[in-house]
Amino acid sequence: MLCMIDDNMSVVNHSGVVSENRPPTLEEKQLLIWLISNGKPEARDYMPQVEELRVISRCSCGCPTVDFTPPKGPSDLLADLYGITSENVEVGVILHARDGRLSEMEIYSVYQQEEPFGLPRIDTLKDYWVPAKR
């Protein structure tokens, strides 16, 4: 496996994933709880896992995507939303579960933002596929 050390002294592997071993930040945890509470009805079954979660990796591209389990196999989408970050970046937010475990909180730029950006503001989150009003 090809690895390198980034500016934060974290290991980055060849797939663009930075290995970590930490609890979610307060902001990540708040977003995660909001997604579970406001996502699909079955998402609420995953709430007991939140207190024990560990971030095992994050994306190295500058987006705030984090993994809680290795992203192997098909996932169940527990939430699929649209939001805006404090940097005014429009983002998609997907909460994944695999094999009955919360596995990934994916946050991606809708318009391929090249600069790093943060988590979406909770007050901006809405269903992704809401038709525009005419």
C-alpha atoms as a PDB file:
ATOM      1  CA  MET A   1       0.000   0.000   0.000  1.00  0.00           C
ATOM      2  CA  LEU A   2       1.328   3.395  -0.981  1.00  0.00           C
ATOM      3  CA  CYS A   3       1.109   5.802   1.960  1.00  0.00           C
ATOM      4  CA  MET A   4       2.325   9.298   2.783  1.00  0.00           C
ATOM      5  CA  ILE A   5       2.122  11.672   5.730  1.00  0.00           C
ATOM      6  CA  ASP A   6       0.032  14.830   5.265  1.00  0.00           C
ATOM      7  CA  ASP A   7       0.616  18.262   6.832  1.00  0.00           C
ATOM      8  CA  ASN A   8      -1.284  17.167   9.975  1.00  0.00           C
ATOM      9  CA  MET A   9       0.987  14.127  10.405  1.00  0.00           C
ATOM     10  CA  SER A  10      -1.854  11.749   9.455  1.00  0.00           C
ATOM     11  CA  VAL A  11      -1.328   8.726   7.219  1.00  0.00           C
ATOM     12  CA  VAL A  12      -2.845   9.088   3.731  1.00  0.00           C
ATOM     13  CA  ASN A  13      -3.140   5.899   1.704  1.00  0.00           C
ATOM     14  CA  HIS A  14      -3.187   5.588  -2.093  1.00  0.00           C
ATOM     15  CA  SER A  15      -6.988   5.804  -2.264  1.00  0.00           C
ATOM     16  CA  GLY A  16      -7.074   9.353  -0.871  1.00  0.00           C
ATOM     17  CA  VAL A  17      -8.219   8.270   2.583  1.00  0.00           C
ATOM     18  CA  VAL A  18      -6.540   9.583   5.723  1.00  0.00           C
ATOM     19  CA  SER A  19      -6.424   7.002   8.520  1.00  0.00           C
ATOM     20  CA  GLU A  20      -7.667   8.264  11.880  1.00  0.00           C
ATOM     21  CA  ASN A  21      -8.731   6.845  15.211  1.00  0.00           C
ATOM     22  CA  ARG A  22     -10.747   9.420  17.118  1.00  0.00           C
ATOM     23  CA  PRO A  23     -14.216  10.185  18.389  1.00  0.00           C
ATOM     24  CA  PRO A  24     -16.360  12.388  16.141  1.00  0.00           C
ATOM     25  CA  THR A  25     -15.939  16.117  16.754  1.00  0.00           C
ATOM     26  CA  LEU A  26     -18.807  17.929  18.469  1.00  0.00           C
ATOM     27  CA  GLU A  27     -19.899  19.361  15.105  1.00  0.00           C
ATOM     28  CA  GLU A  28     -19.756  15.956  13.404  1.00  0.00           C
ATOM     29  CA  LYS A  29     -21.750  14.408  16.239  1.00  0.00           C
ATOM     30  CA  GLN A  30     -24.400  17.149  16.136  1.00  0.00           C
ATOM     31  CA  LEU A  31     -24.809  16.686  12.377  1.00  0.00           C
ATOM     32  CA  LEU A  32     -24.915  12.909  12.737  1.00  0.00           C
ATOM     33  CA  ILE A  33     -27.646  13.086  15.391  1.00  0.00           C
ATOM     34  CA  TRP A  34     -29.627  15.518  13.234  1.00  0.00           C
ATOM     35  CA  LEU A  35     -29.318  13.213  10.198  1.00  0.00           C
ATOM     36  CA  ILE A  36     -30.471  10.191  12.207  1.00  0.00           C
ATOM     37  CA  SER A  37     -33.391  12.154  13.687  1.00  0.00           C
ATOM     38  CA  ASN A  38     -34.490  13.649  10.363  1.00  0.00           C
ATOM     39  CA  GLY A  39     -33.504  10.995   7.834  1.00  0.00           C
ATOM     40  CA  LYS A  40     -35.450   7.910   6.866  1.00  0.00           C
ATOM     41  CA  PRO A  41     -37.603   6.473   9.675  1.00  0.00           C
ATOM     42  CA  GLU A  42     -35.333   3.418  10.014  1.00  0.00           C
ATOM     43  CA  ALA A  43     -32.365   5.719  10.683  1.00  0.00           C
ATOM     44  CA  ARG A  44     -33.590   6.226  14.245  1.00  0.00           C
ATOM     45  CA  ASP A  45     -32.692   2.604  15.009  1.00  0.00           C
ATOM     46  CA  TYR A  46     -29.024   3.626  14.696  1.00  0.00           C
ATOM     47  CA  MET A  47     -29.110   6.323  17.393  1.00  0.00           C
ATOM     48  CA  PRO A  48     -27.705   4.018  20.131  1.00  0.00           C
ATOM     49  CA  GLN A  49     -24.502   3.621  18.079  1.00  0.00           C
ATOM     50  CA  VAL A  50     -23.631   7.332  18.149  1.00  0.00           C
ATOM     51  CA  GLU A  51     -21.973   7.354  21.583  1.00  0.00           C
ATOM     52  CA  GLU A  52     -19.610   4.511  20.687  1.00  0.00           C
ATOM     53  CA  LEU A  53     -18.616   5.677  17.182  1.00  0.00           C
ATOM     54  CA  ARG A  54     -15.006   6.188  16.179  1.00  0.00           C
ATOM     55  CA  VAL A  55     -13.837   7.995  13.057  1.00  0.00           C
ATOM     56  CA  ILE A  56     -11.459   5.533  11.393  1.00  0.00           C
ATOM     57  CA  SER A  57     -10.711   7.630   8.303  1.00  0.00           C
ATOM     58  CA  ARG A  58     -11.526  10.800   6.446  1.00  0.00           C
ATOM     59  CA  CYS A  59     -11.261  11.929   2.852  1.00  0.00           C
ATOM     60  CA  SER A  60      -8.052  13.710   1.877  1.00  0.00           C
ATOM     61  CA  CYS A  61      -9.607  15.926  -0.821  1.00  0.00           C
ATOM     62  CA  GLY A  62     -10.694  18.696   1.558  1.00  0.00           C
ATOM     63  CA  CYS A  63     -14.308  17.593   2.024  1.00  0.00           C
ATOM     64  CA  PRO A  64     -15.423  16.677   5.563  1.00  0.00           C
ATOM     65  CA  THR A  65     -16.459  13.074   4.736  1.00  0.00           C
ATOM     66  CA  VAL A  66     -15.673  10.611   7.554  1.00  0.00           C
ATOM     67  CA  ASP A  67     -15.814   6.816   7.811  1.00  0.00           C
ATOM     68  CA  PHE A  68     -16.852   4.900  10.912  1.00  0.00           C
ATOM     69  CA  THR A  69     -16.336   1.431   9.390  1.00  0.00           C
ATOM     70  CA  PRO A  70     -14.456   0.298   6.287  1.00  0.00           C
ATOM     71  CA  PRO A  71     -16.581   1.182   3.212  1.00  0.00           C
ATOM     72  CA  LYS A  72     -16.977  -2.356   1.875  1.00  0.00           C
ATOM     73  CA  GLY A  73     -20.128  -3.749   0.317  1.00  0.00           C
ATOM     74  CA  PRO A  74     -23.472  -2.154  -0.437  1.00  0.00           C
ATOM     75  CA  SER A  75     -24.799   0.539   1.845  1.00  0.00           C
ATOM     76  CA  ASP A  76     -28.218   1.522   3.125  1.00  0.00           C
ATOM     77  CA  LEU A  77     -28.871   5.249   2.739  1.00  0.00           C
ATOM     78  CA  LEU A  78     -30.261   6.569   6.008  1.00  0.00           C
ATOM     79  CA  ALA A  79     -30.334  10.213   4.908  1.00  0.00           C
ATOM     80  CA  ASP A  80     -29.750  11.999   1.582  1.00  0.00           C
ATOM     81  CA  LEU A  81     -29.933  15.760   1.955  1.00  0.00           C
ATOM     82  CA  TYR A  82     -28.781  19.078   0.545  1.00  0.00           C
ATOM     83  CA  GLY A  83     -27.206  21.864   2.591  1.00  0.00           C
ATOM     84  CA  ILE A  84     -24.909  24.878   2.589  1.00  0.00           C
ATOM     85  CA  THR A  85     -21.670  25.239   4.545  1.00  0.00           C
ATOM     86  CA  SER A  86     -20.509  28.351   6.400  1.00  0.00           C
ATOM     87  CA  GLU A  87     -18.276  28.959   3.348  1.00  0.00           C
ATOM     88  CA  ASN A  88     -21.479  29.041   1.193  1.00  0.00           C
ATOM     89  CA  VAL A  89     -20.569  25.784  -0.542  1.00  0.00           C
ATOM     90  CA  GLU A  90     -23.621  23.796  -1.674  1.00  0.00           C
ATOM     91  CA  VAL A  91     -23.224  20.207  -0.534  1.00  0.00           C
ATOM     92  CA  GLY A  92     -24.901  16.851  -0.622  1.00  0.00           C
ATOM     93  CA  VAL A  93     -24.995  14.913   2.646  1.00  0.00           C
ATOM     94  CA  ILE A  94     -25.463  11.143   2.746  1.00  0.00           C
ATOM     95  CA  LEU A  95     -25.491   8.981   5.870  1.00  0.00           C
ATOM     96  CA  HIS A  96     -24.560   5.372   5.061  1.00  0.00           C
ATOM     97  CA  ALA A  97     -24.983   2.161   7.064  1.00  0.00           C
ATOM     98  CA  ARG A  98     -23.472  -1.211   6.200  1.00  0.00           C
ATOM     99  CA  ASP A  99     -24.241  -4.531   7.859  1.00  0.00           C
ATOM    100  CA  GLY A 100     -26.340  -2.830  10.544  1.00  0.00           C
ATOM    101  CA  ARG A 101     -23.610  -0.314  11.517  1.00  0.00           C
ATOM    102  CA  LEU A 102     -23.272   3.396  10.820  1.00  0.00           C
ATOM    103  CA  SER A 103     -20.447   3.440   8.289  1.00  0.00           C
ATOM    104  CA  GLU A 104     -19.981   6.817   6.618  1.00  0.00           C
ATOM    105  CA  MET A 105     -21.091  10.438   6.758  1.00  0.00           C
ATOM    106  CA  GLU A 106     -20.443  11.629   3.218  1.00  0.00           C
ATOM    107  CA  ILE A 107     -20.388  15.351   2.482  1.00  0.00           C
ATOM    108  CA  TYR A 108     -19.588  16.350  -1.086  1.00  0.00           C
ATOM    109  CA  SER A 109     -19.637  19.575  -3.066  1.00  0.00           C
ATOM    110  CA  VAL A 110     -22.533  19.782  -5.508  1.00  0.00           C
ATOM    111  CA  TYR A 111     -20.449  21.914  -7.871  1.00  0.00           C
ATOM    112  CA  GLN A 112     -17.007  20.289  -7.454  1.00  0.00           C
ATOM    113  CA  GLN A 113     -15.533  22.816  -5.031  1.00  0.00           C
ATOM    114  CA  GLU A 114     -11.749  22.656  -5.231  1.00  0.00           C
ATOM    115  CA  GLU A 115     -10.965  24.389  -1.930  1.00  0.00           C
ATOM    116  CA  PRO A 116     -11.502  22.602   1.408  1.00  0.00           C
ATOM    117  CA  PHE A 117     -14.878  23.221   3.060  1.00  0.00           C
ATOM    118  CA  GLY A 118     -16.591  22.370   6.311  1.00  0.00           C
ATOM    119  CA  LEU A 119     -19.763  20.678   7.424  1.00  0.00           C
ATOM    120  CA  PRO A 120     -23.136  22.028   6.318  1.00  0.00           C
ATOM    121  CA  ARG A 121     -25.078  24.303   8.632  1.00  0.00           C
ATOM    122  CA  ILE A 122     -27.922  22.254  10.109  1.00  0.00           C
ATOM    123  CA  ASP A 123     -30.412  25.073   9.519  1.00  0.00           C
ATOM    124  CA  THR A 124     -29.834  24.761   5.731  1.00  0.00           C
ATOM    125  CA  LEU A 125     -30.436  21.007   5.408  1.00  0.00           C
ATOM    126  CA  LYS A 126     -33.391  19.883   3.304  1.00  0.00           C
ATOM    127  CA  ASP A 127     -34.448  16.960   1.135  1.00  0.00           C
ATOM    128  CA  TYR A 128     -32.099  16.792  -1.813  1.00  0.00           C
ATOM    129  CA  TRP A 129     -34.689  16.267  -4.496  1.00  0.00           C
ATOM    130  CA  VAL A 130     -37.158  18.997  -3.583  1.00  0.00           C
ATOM    131  CA  PRO A 131     -38.484  20.427  -6.865  1.00  0.00           C
ATOM    132  CA  ALA A 132     -37.844  24.143  -7.362  1.00  0.00           C
ATOM    133  CA  LYS A 133     -40.864  26.417  -6.988  1.00  0.00           C
ATOM    134  CA  ARG A 134     -41.886  28.152 -10.171  1.00  0.00           C
END
